[in-house]
Amino acid sequence: MATQPRRRPKQERSRERIDAILSTTMRLIGEKGIDAVTMKEVGALAGGPIATVYHYFPNKSAILAMLYERFAEESRARFGAIIAGIRGVDDVTSAADRLLDDYYNRVAADPAIQDLQNAIQADKALQNLDIAETRQQAKMFCDHVGPMLEPERREAFGRVVFLVFQLAGGVVRLALTQDEAESRRTIDDYRSIIHTQLRLFL
C-alpha cells in the first residue's frame, strides 16, 4: 500500500492545500477516530473536492504518513532541545526523565496524536517509519552522550537506548488506557527501569 504523497508541494498554493488537508484530517481524527475518517469528508471539510485530496495523496495511509512525519519533526526539535542540556554524565538521567515526561504529556494532551500512534502500530509501512524514527532519535541521544562514556561500552549503550526509546511508545499507550493513579505508577515504573539501565553505563 502506498504511503507516500503523490507529489510534494512546490508552490505556495499547493502547500496551503496540503496544510488544509493535514489539519482537517488531524481535527477529524481527534473528534471521531482514524477509522471513521474518510477521504471524501477530508476533501469536503478542507475546502475542496475529493479530487484535490487524491491529487496529493493516493489514500488515507499516505495522509497518515505525512502527519506522522510532521509529528516526528516536532518531536526531534523538542528532543534536541532537551539533550542539548546534557553537559555531563550527571545530567543524563534527568534528561531521560524529561524526555519521557515530555512525550507522555504531549500524547496525553491530544486525542488525535493518541489515535495516530495507535494507527501507526497497525500499519506495517507506518510502523517501519516509526522504527526508523526511533533509531534516529536514539542515535541523536547516543551521539551526544556516547563521548562521555568509555569507548568499549558505547555500542552496548546504543542498543539499550534504542530499546528504551522503542518501548517507551508502548508504555505510554498502556498508561493512557489506565486510570490516573495506575497510569502514574506505570510511568514511574518505566522510569525506574530506565534509571537502572542507565546506571550500568554512567
C-alpha atoms as a PDB file:
ATOM      1  CA  MET A   1       0.000   0.000   0.000  1.00  0.00           C
ATOM      2  CA  ALA A   2       1.355   3.428  -0.945  1.00  0.00           C
ATOM      3  CA  THR A   3       2.150   5.685   1.971  1.00  0.00           C
ATOM      4  CA  GLN A   4       3.955   8.462   0.100  1.00  0.00           C
ATOM      5  CA  PRO A   5       2.120  11.563  -1.180  1.00  0.00           C
ATOM      6  CA  ARG A   6       1.701  11.674  -4.952  1.00  0.00           C
ATOM      7  CA  ARG A   7       3.649  14.909  -5.227  1.00  0.00           C
ATOM      8  CA  ARG A   8       5.487  17.284  -2.966  1.00  0.00           C
ATOM      9  CA  PRO A   9       4.215  20.869  -2.836  1.00  0.00           C
ATOM     10  CA  LYS A  10       6.296  23.278  -4.923  1.00  0.00           C
ATOM     11  CA  GLN A  11       4.087  26.351  -4.844  1.00  0.00           C
ATOM     12  CA  GLU A  12       2.543  28.286  -2.004  1.00  0.00           C
ATOM     13  CA  ARG A  13      -0.976  27.320  -3.062  1.00  0.00           C
ATOM     14  CA  SER A  14      -0.047  23.648  -3.075  1.00  0.00           C
ATOM     15  CA  ARG A  15       1.483  23.941   0.379  1.00  0.00           C
ATOM     16  CA  GLU A  16      -1.644  25.667   1.660  1.00  0.00           C
ATOM     17  CA  ARG A  17      -3.861  22.907   0.247  1.00  0.00           C
ATOM     18  CA  ILE A  18      -1.749  20.187   1.795  1.00  0.00           C
ATOM     19  CA  ASP A  19      -1.708  22.024   5.120  1.00  0.00           C
ATOM     20  CA  ALA A  20      -5.511  22.282   4.950  1.00  0.00           C
ATOM     21  CA  ILE A  21      -5.832  18.562   4.207  1.00  0.00           C
ATOM     22  CA  LEU A  22      -3.492  17.631   7.056  1.00  0.00           C
ATOM     23  CA  SER A  23      -5.028  19.964   9.642  1.00  0.00           C
ATOM     24  CA  THR A  24      -8.540  18.831   8.686  1.00  0.00           C
ATOM     25  CA  THR A  25      -7.556  15.173   8.935  1.00  0.00           C
ATOM     26  CA  MET A  26      -5.924  15.699  12.325  1.00  0.00           C
ATOM     27  CA  ARG A  27      -9.007  17.509  13.636  1.00  0.00           C
ATOM     28  CA  LEU A  28     -11.309  14.736  12.410  1.00  0.00           C
ATOM     29  CA  ILE A  29      -9.068  12.080  13.950  1.00  0.00           C
ATOM     30  CA  GLY A  30      -9.322  13.848  17.284  1.00  0.00           C
ATOM     31  CA  GLU A  31     -13.098  14.099  17.003  1.00  0.00           C
ATOM     32  CA  LYS A  32     -14.067  10.657  15.707  1.00  0.00           C
ATOM     33  CA  GLY A  33     -11.003   8.424  15.397  1.00  0.00           C
ATOM     34  CA  ILE A  34      -8.991   7.389  12.358  1.00  0.00           C
ATOM     35  CA  ASP A  35     -11.244   4.541  11.231  1.00  0.00           C
ATOM     36  CA  ALA A  36     -14.231   6.868  10.865  1.00  0.00           C
ATOM     37  CA  VAL A  37     -12.386   9.456   8.765  1.00  0.00           C
ATOM     38  CA  THR A  38     -12.929   9.223   5.002  1.00  0.00           C
ATOM     39  CA  MET A  39     -11.077  10.847   2.123  1.00  0.00           C
ATOM     40  CA  LYS A  40     -14.369  12.340   0.914  1.00  0.00           C
ATOM     41  CA  GLU A  41     -15.020  14.011   4.255  1.00  0.00           C
ATOM     42  CA  VAL A  42     -11.478  15.338   4.402  1.00  0.00           C
ATOM     43  CA  GLY A  43     -11.872  16.857   0.954  1.00  0.00           C
ATOM     44  CA  ALA A  44     -15.199  18.478   1.767  1.00  0.00           C
ATOM     45  CA  LEU A  45     -14.060  19.992   5.070  1.00  0.00           C
ATOM     46  CA  ALA A  46     -10.674  21.048   3.700  1.00  0.00           C
ATOM     47  CA  GLY A  47     -12.471  23.305   1.250  1.00  0.00           C
ATOM     48  CA  GLY A  48     -12.079  21.381  -1.964  1.00  0.00           C
ATOM     49  CA  PRO A  49     -13.349  18.414  -3.995  1.00  0.00           C
ATOM     50  CA  ILE A  50     -12.226  14.876  -3.297  1.00  0.00           C
ATOM     51  CA  ALA A  51     -10.072  15.065  -6.433  1.00  0.00           C
ATOM     52  CA  THR A  52      -7.917  17.670  -4.688  1.00  0.00           C
ATOM     53  CA  VAL A  53      -7.126  15.229  -1.893  1.00  0.00           C
ATOM     54  CA  TYR A  54      -6.268  12.434  -4.336  1.00  0.00           C
ATOM     55  CA  HIS A  55      -4.148  14.908  -6.308  1.00  0.00           C
ATOM     56  CA  TYR A  56      -1.685  14.903  -3.405  1.00  0.00           C
ATOM     57  CA  PHE A  57      -2.415  11.676  -1.520  1.00  0.00           C
ATOM     58  CA  PRO A  58      -3.283   8.284  -3.080  1.00  0.00           C
ATOM     59  CA  ASN A  59      -5.003   7.028   0.082  1.00  0.00           C
ATOM     60  CA  LYS A  60      -5.538   7.685   3.767  1.00  0.00           C
ATOM     61  CA  SER A  61      -2.323   5.890   4.728  1.00  0.00           C
ATOM     62  CA  ALA A  62      -0.364   8.480   2.748  1.00  0.00           C
ATOM     63  CA  ILE A  63      -2.023  11.279   4.727  1.00  0.00           C
ATOM     64  CA  LEU A  64      -1.223   9.484   7.975  1.00  0.00           C
ATOM     65  CA  ALA A  65       2.388   9.047   6.860  1.00  0.00           C
ATOM     66  CA  MET A  66       2.801  12.787   6.319  1.00  0.00           C
ATOM     67  CA  LEU A  67       1.047  13.554   9.602  1.00  0.00           C
ATOM     68  CA  TYR A  68       3.500  11.210  11.278  1.00  0.00           C
ATOM     69  CA  GLU A  69       6.443  12.883   9.532  1.00  0.00           C
ATOM     70  CA  ARG A  70       5.351  16.248  10.906  1.00  0.00           C
ATOM     71  CA  PHE A  71       4.867  14.796  14.374  1.00  0.00           C
ATOM     72  CA  ALA A  72       8.345  13.272  14.145  1.00  0.00           C
ATOM     73  CA  GLU A  73       9.909  16.558  13.033  1.00  0.00           C
ATOM     74  CA  GLU A  74       8.429  18.369  16.012  1.00  0.00           C
ATOM     75  CA  SER A  75       9.495  15.514  18.287  1.00  0.00           C
ATOM     76  CA  ARG A  76      13.097  15.780  17.074  1.00  0.00           C
ATOM     77  CA  ALA A  77      13.114  19.526  17.718  1.00  0.00           C
ATOM     78  CA  ARG A  78      11.823  19.075  21.274  1.00  0.00           C
ATOM     79  CA  PHE A  79      14.174  16.158  21.771  1.00  0.00           C
ATOM     80  CA  GLY A  80      17.164  18.151  20.584  1.00  0.00           C
ATOM     81  CA  ALA A  81      16.376  20.992  22.977  1.00  0.00           C
ATOM     82  CA  ILE A  82      16.343  18.581  25.920  1.00  0.00           C
ATOM     83  CA  ILE A  83      19.531  16.688  25.095  1.00  0.00           C
ATOM     84  CA  ALA A  84      21.341  19.980  24.455  1.00  0.00           C
ATOM     85  CA  GLY A  85      21.142  20.483  28.209  1.00  0.00           C
ATOM     86  CA  ILE A  86      23.259  17.392  28.894  1.00  0.00           C
ATOM     87  CA  ARG A  87      26.677  18.739  29.904  1.00  0.00           C
ATOM     88  CA  GLY A  88      27.994  15.623  31.603  1.00  0.00           C
ATOM     89  CA  VAL A  89      27.050  12.155  32.830  1.00  0.00           C
ATOM     90  CA  ASP A  90      25.294  13.641  35.854  1.00  0.00           C
ATOM     91  CA  ASP A  91      22.737  15.227  33.509  1.00  0.00           C
ATOM     92  CA  VAL A  92      21.850  12.099  31.521  1.00  0.00           C
ATOM     93  CA  THR A  93      19.278  10.559  33.859  1.00  0.00           C
ATOM     94  CA  SER A  94      17.397  13.807  34.436  1.00  0.00           C
ATOM     95  CA  ALA A  95      17.338  14.409  30.673  1.00  0.00           C
ATOM     96  CA  ALA A  96      15.877  10.930  30.162  1.00  0.00           C
ATOM     97  CA  ASP A  97      13.187  11.798  32.709  1.00  0.00           C
ATOM     98  CA  ARG A  98      12.340  14.988  30.832  1.00  0.00           C
ATOM     99  CA  LEU A  99      12.160  13.127  27.521  1.00  0.00           C
ATOM    100  CA  LEU A 100       9.736  10.566  28.942  1.00  0.00           C
ATOM    101  CA  ASP A 101       7.573  13.196  30.634  1.00  0.00           C
ATOM    102  CA  ASP A 102       7.506  15.434  27.563  1.00  0.00           C
ATOM    103  CA  TYR A 103       6.444  12.567  25.312  1.00  0.00           C
ATOM    104  CA  TYR A 104       3.772  11.341  27.720  1.00  0.00           C
ATOM    105  CA  ASN A 105       2.318  14.809  28.311  1.00  0.00           C
ATOM    106  CA  ARG A 106       2.296  15.625  24.611  1.00  0.00           C
ATOM    107  CA  VAL A 107       0.456  12.452  23.624  1.00  0.00           C
ATOM    108  CA  ALA A 108      -1.906  12.569  26.617  1.00  0.00           C
ATOM    109  CA  ALA A 109      -2.968  16.117  25.768  1.00  0.00           C
ATOM    110  CA  ASP A 110      -4.080  15.354  22.200  1.00  0.00           C
ATOM    111  CA  PRO A 111      -6.532  12.525  21.353  1.00  0.00           C
ATOM    112  CA  ALA A 112      -5.598  12.841  17.678  1.00  0.00           C
ATOM    113  CA  ILE A 113      -1.962  12.044  18.439  1.00  0.00           C
ATOM    114  CA  GLN A 114      -3.072   9.065  20.518  1.00  0.00           C
ATOM    115  CA  ASP A 115      -5.121   7.698  17.628  1.00  0.00           C
ATOM    116  CA  LEU A 116      -2.333   8.417  15.154  1.00  0.00           C
ATOM    117  CA  GLN A 117       0.120   6.498  17.334  1.00  0.00           C
ATOM    118  CA  ASN A 118      -2.264   3.535  17.525  1.00  0.00           C
ATOM    119  CA  ALA A 119      -2.781   3.571  13.750  1.00  0.00           C
ATOM    120  CA  ILE A 120       0.967   3.560  13.166  1.00  0.00           C
ATOM    121  CA  GLN A 121       1.291   0.272  15.037  1.00  0.00           C
ATOM    122  CA  ALA A 122      -1.487  -1.299  12.950  1.00  0.00           C
ATOM    123  CA  ASP A 123       0.041  -0.384   9.562  1.00  0.00           C
ATOM    124  CA  LYS A 124       3.265  -2.175   8.564  1.00  0.00           C
ATOM    125  CA  ALA A 125       4.612   0.662   6.417  1.00  0.00           C
ATOM    126  CA  LEU A 126       3.859   3.272   9.061  1.00  0.00           C
ATOM    127  CA  GLN A 127       5.329   1.042  11.760  1.00  0.00           C
ATOM    128  CA  ASN A 128       8.558   0.881   9.776  1.00  0.00           C
ATOM    129  CA  LEU A 129       8.600   4.685   9.643  1.00  0.00           C
ATOM    130  CA  ASP A 130       8.188   4.767  13.410  1.00  0.00           C
ATOM    131  CA  ILE A 131      11.038   2.312  13.997  1.00  0.00           C
ATOM    132  CA  ALA A 132      13.307   4.295  11.681  1.00  0.00           C
ATOM    133  CA  GLU A 133      12.437   7.493  13.553  1.00  0.00           C
ATOM    134  CA  THR A 134      13.181   5.801  16.870  1.00  0.00           C
ATOM    135  CA  ARG A 135      16.585   4.738  15.563  1.00  0.00           C
ATOM    136  CA  GLN A 136      17.308   8.302  14.510  1.00  0.00           C
ATOM    137  CA  GLN A 137      16.332   9.740  17.888  1.00  0.00           C
ATOM    138  CA  ALA A 138      18.323   7.062  19.715  1.00  0.00           C
ATOM    139  CA  LYS A 139      21.332   7.933  17.558  1.00  0.00           C
ATOM    140  CA  MET A 140      20.934  11.623  18.441  1.00  0.00           C
ATOM    141  CA  PHE A 141      20.990  10.717  22.126  1.00  0.00           C
ATOM    142  CA  CYS A 142      23.969   8.382  21.765  1.00  0.00           C
ATOM    143  CA  ASP A 143      25.942  10.828  19.618  1.00  0.00           C
ATOM    144  CA  HIS A 144      25.593  13.374  22.417  1.00  0.00           C
ATOM    145  CA  VAL A 145      26.155  11.072  25.396  1.00  0.00           C
ATOM    146  CA  GLY A 146      28.478   8.479  23.843  1.00  0.00           C
ATOM    147  CA  PRO A 147      31.655  10.600  24.014  1.00  0.00           C
ATOM    148  CA  MET A 148      31.142  10.826  27.792  1.00  0.00           C
ATOM    149  CA  LEU A 149      31.330   7.019  28.114  1.00  0.00           C
ATOM    150  CA  GLU A 150      34.157   4.518  27.912  1.00  0.00           C
ATOM    151  CA  PRO A 151      34.668   3.688  24.198  1.00  0.00           C
ATOM    152  CA  GLU A 152      34.208  -0.059  24.652  1.00  0.00           C
ATOM    153  CA  ARG A 153      30.772   0.488  26.224  1.00  0.00           C
ATOM    154  CA  ARG A 154      29.271   2.738  23.564  1.00  0.00           C
ATOM    155  CA  GLU A 155      27.908   0.005  21.301  1.00  0.00           C
ATOM    156  CA  ALA A 156      26.041  -1.708  24.139  1.00  0.00           C
ATOM    157  CA  PHE A 157      24.793   1.682  25.325  1.00  0.00           C
ATOM    158  CA  GLY A 158      23.382   2.342  21.858  1.00  0.00           C
ATOM    159  CA  ARG A 159      21.457  -0.933  21.860  1.00  0.00           C
ATOM    160  CA  VAL A 160      19.960  -0.221  25.282  1.00  0.00           C
ATOM    161  CA  VAL A 161      18.997   3.336  24.349  1.00  0.00           C
ATOM    162  CA  PHE A 162      17.229   2.138  21.200  1.00  0.00           C
ATOM    163  CA  LEU A 163      15.250  -0.445  23.192  1.00  0.00           C
ATOM    164  CA  VAL A 164      14.330   2.104  25.865  1.00  0.00           C
ATOM    165  CA  PHE A 165      13.141   4.575  23.231  1.00  0.00           C
ATOM    166  CA  GLN A 166      11.219   1.968  21.226  1.00  0.00           C
ATOM    167  CA  LEU A 167       9.483   0.513  24.276  1.00  0.00           C
ATOM    168  CA  ALA A 168       8.522   3.969  25.566  1.00  0.00           C
ATOM    169  CA  GLY A 169       5.767   4.248  22.961  1.00  0.00           C
ATOM    170  CA  GLY A 170       4.097   1.065  24.173  1.00  0.00           C
ATOM    171  CA  VAL A 171       4.424   2.094  27.806  1.00  0.00           C
ATOM    172  CA  VAL A 172       2.793   5.462  27.119  1.00  0.00           C
ATOM    173  CA  ARG A 173      -0.017   3.840  25.129  1.00  0.00           C
ATOM    174  CA  LEU A 174      -0.626   1.462  28.043  1.00  0.00           C
ATOM    175  CA  ALA A 175      -0.580   4.285  30.593  1.00  0.00           C
ATOM    176  CA  LEU A 176      -3.178   6.211  28.609  1.00  0.00           C
ATOM    177  CA  THR A 177      -5.632   3.307  28.905  1.00  0.00           C
ATOM    178  CA  GLN A 178      -5.362   3.312  32.720  1.00  0.00           C
ATOM    179  CA  ASP A 179      -6.871   5.479  35.432  1.00  0.00           C
ATOM    180  CA  GLU A 180      -4.762   8.348  36.756  1.00  0.00           C
ATOM    181  CA  ALA A 181      -3.192   6.513  39.702  1.00  0.00           C
ATOM    182  CA  GLU A 182      -2.295   3.379  37.744  1.00  0.00           C
ATOM    183  CA  SER A 183      -1.069   5.458  34.817  1.00  0.00           C
ATOM    184  CA  ARG A 184       1.290   7.361  37.111  1.00  0.00           C
ATOM    185  CA  ARG A 185       2.607   4.081  38.547  1.00  0.00           C
ATOM    186  CA  THR A 186       3.191   2.689  35.062  1.00  0.00           C
ATOM    187  CA  ILE A 187       5.219   5.715  34.003  1.00  0.00           C
ATOM    188  CA  ASP A 188       7.150   5.741  37.288  1.00  0.00           C
ATOM    189  CA  ASP A 189       7.911   2.018  36.984  1.00  0.00           C
ATOM    190  CA  TYR A 190       9.235   2.525  33.462  1.00  0.00           C
ATOM    191  CA  ARG A 191      11.260   5.486  34.704  1.00  0.00           C
ATOM    192  CA  SER A 192      12.857   3.176  37.297  1.00  0.00           C
ATOM    193  CA  ILE A 193      13.727   0.679  34.561  1.00  0.00           C
ATOM    194  CA  ILE A 194      15.387   3.457  32.554  1.00  0.00           C
ATOM    195  CA  HIS A 195      17.366   4.604  35.584  1.00  0.00           C
ATOM    196  CA  THR A 196      18.548   1.050  36.271  1.00  0.00           C
ATOM    197  CA  GLN A 197      19.747   0.595  32.696  1.00  0.00           C
ATOM    198  CA  LEU A 198      21.487   3.965  32.558  1.00  0.00           C
ATOM    199  CA  ARG A 199      23.336   3.298  35.817  1.00  0.00           C
ATOM    200  CA  LEU A 200      25.042   0.345  34.134  1.00  0.00           C
ATOM    201  CA  PHE A 201      26.876   2.786  31.876  1.00  0.00           C
ATOM    202  CA  LEU A 202      27.161   6.088  33.729  1.00  0.00           C
END
